[in-house]
Protein backbone atom coordinates (compact mmCIF):
# COMPACT_ATOMS: atom_id res chain seq x y z
CA MET A 1 0.00 0.00 0.00
CA GLU A 2 3.04 2.24 -0.14
CA ASP A 3 1.97 3.75 -3.49
CA VAL A 4 -1.46 4.50 -2.06
CA ASP A 5 0.11 6.34 0.87
CA LEU A 6 2.13 8.52 -1.51
CA HIS A 7 -1.01 9.49 -3.42
CA LEU A 8 -2.89 10.18 -0.20
CA GLU A 9 -0.09 12.46 0.97
CA GLU A 10 -0.10 14.21 -2.40
CA ALA A 11 -3.86 14.73 -2.19
CA GLU A 12 -3.62 16.17 1.34
CA GLN A 13 -0.76 18.45 0.37
CA SER A 14 -2.61 19.65 -2.72
CA LEU A 15 -5.67 20.49 -0.63
CA ASP A 16 -3.50 22.34 1.88
CA GLU A 17 -1.93 24.32 -0.96
CA GLY A 18 -5.29 25.26 -2.49
CA ASP A 19 -4.99 22.91 -5.47
CA PRO A 20 -8.23 20.89 -5.50
CA GLU A 21 -7.65 19.68 -9.06
CA GLY A 22 -4.32 18.12 -8.01
CA ALA A 23 -5.94 16.68 -4.89
CA LEU A 24 -8.75 15.15 -6.92
CA GLU A 25 -6.31 13.55 -9.33
CA ALA A 26 -4.18 12.11 -6.53
CA ALA A 27 -7.22 10.82 -4.63
CA GLN A 28 -8.62 9.17 -7.74
CA THR A 29 -5.29 7.44 -8.34
CA ALA A 30 -5.29 6.17 -4.76
CA ILE A 31 -8.85 4.88 -5.24
CA LYS A 32 -7.79 2.99 -8.38
CA LEU A 33 -5.04 1.31 -6.37
CA TRP A 34 -7.23 0.62 -3.31
CA PRO A 35 -10.96 1.04 -4.04
CA GLU A 36 -11.97 0.53 -0.40
CA CYS A 37 -9.68 3.21 1.04
CA ALA A 38 -11.87 5.45 3.20
CA GLU A 39 -9.26 8.22 3.34
CA ALA A 40 -8.97 8.37 -0.44
CA TRP A 41 -12.73 8.72 -0.87
CA TYR A 42 -12.77 11.38 1.86
CA LEU A 43 -10.01 13.37 0.18
CA LYS A 44 -11.79 13.06 -3.14
CA GLY A 45 -14.90 14.45 -1.48
CA MET A 46 -13.03 17.38 0.02
CA ALA A 47 -11.50 18.20 -3.36
CA LEU A 48 -14.92 18.07 -5.00
CA PHE A 49 -16.37 20.39 -2.35
CA ASP A 50 -13.50 22.82 -3.03
CA LEU A 51 -14.29 22.59 -6.75
CA GLU A 52 -17.89 23.60 -5.94
CA ARG A 53 -19.28 20.17 -6.84
CA PRO A 54 -21.13 19.49 -3.57
CA GLU A 55 -23.35 16.62 -4.74
CA GLU A 56 -20.34 14.64 -5.97
CA GLY A 57 -18.39 15.61 -2.86
CA ARG A 58 -21.12 14.36 -0.57
CA ALA A 59 -21.34 11.08 -2.51
CA ALA A 60 -17.59 10.56 -2.17
CA VAL A 61 -17.67 11.26 1.57
CA GLU A 62 -20.60 8.87 1.96
CA ARG A 63 -18.56 6.23 0.09
CA SER A 64 -15.74 6.89 2.55
CA LEU A 65 -18.05 5.96 5.41
CA ALA A 66 -19.28 2.91 3.53
CA CYS A 67 -15.66 1.73 3.33
CA ASP A 68 -15.04 2.43 7.02
CA PRO A 69 -17.98 3.46 9.24
CA GLN A 70 -15.49 4.47 11.96
CA PHE A 71 -13.65 7.01 9.76
CA SER A 72 -14.45 10.06 11.86
CA PRO A 73 -13.41 12.86 9.46
CA ALA A 74 -16.07 11.73 7.00
CA ALA A 75 -18.67 11.40 9.73
CA PHE A 76 -17.97 14.96 10.89
CA VAL A 77 -18.31 16.34 7.34
CA LEU A 78 -21.65 14.63 6.82
CA ALA A 79 -22.93 15.67 10.23
CA ASP A 80 -21.93 19.27 9.50
CA ALA A 81 -23.63 19.13 6.11
CA LYS A 82 -26.92 18.11 7.74
CA LEU A 83 -26.97 21.15 10.04
């Protein structure tokens, strides 16, 4: 899973640097390598929210929770979205 970790780090860094397109690309690559990676789906969702694509972002975050119901960052995002 080393390659996945590199893409996850790249996605996080891209989000931190205000590059949602780069984050989306890195997250999608991580998902291709590990389709059940909750963090990758979460990062994809965050990138989509930043790209003003909220429906797709919410679906990605929901998929993150489907992969790992205990993944708290995704749970917090969805809880916040319901308020």
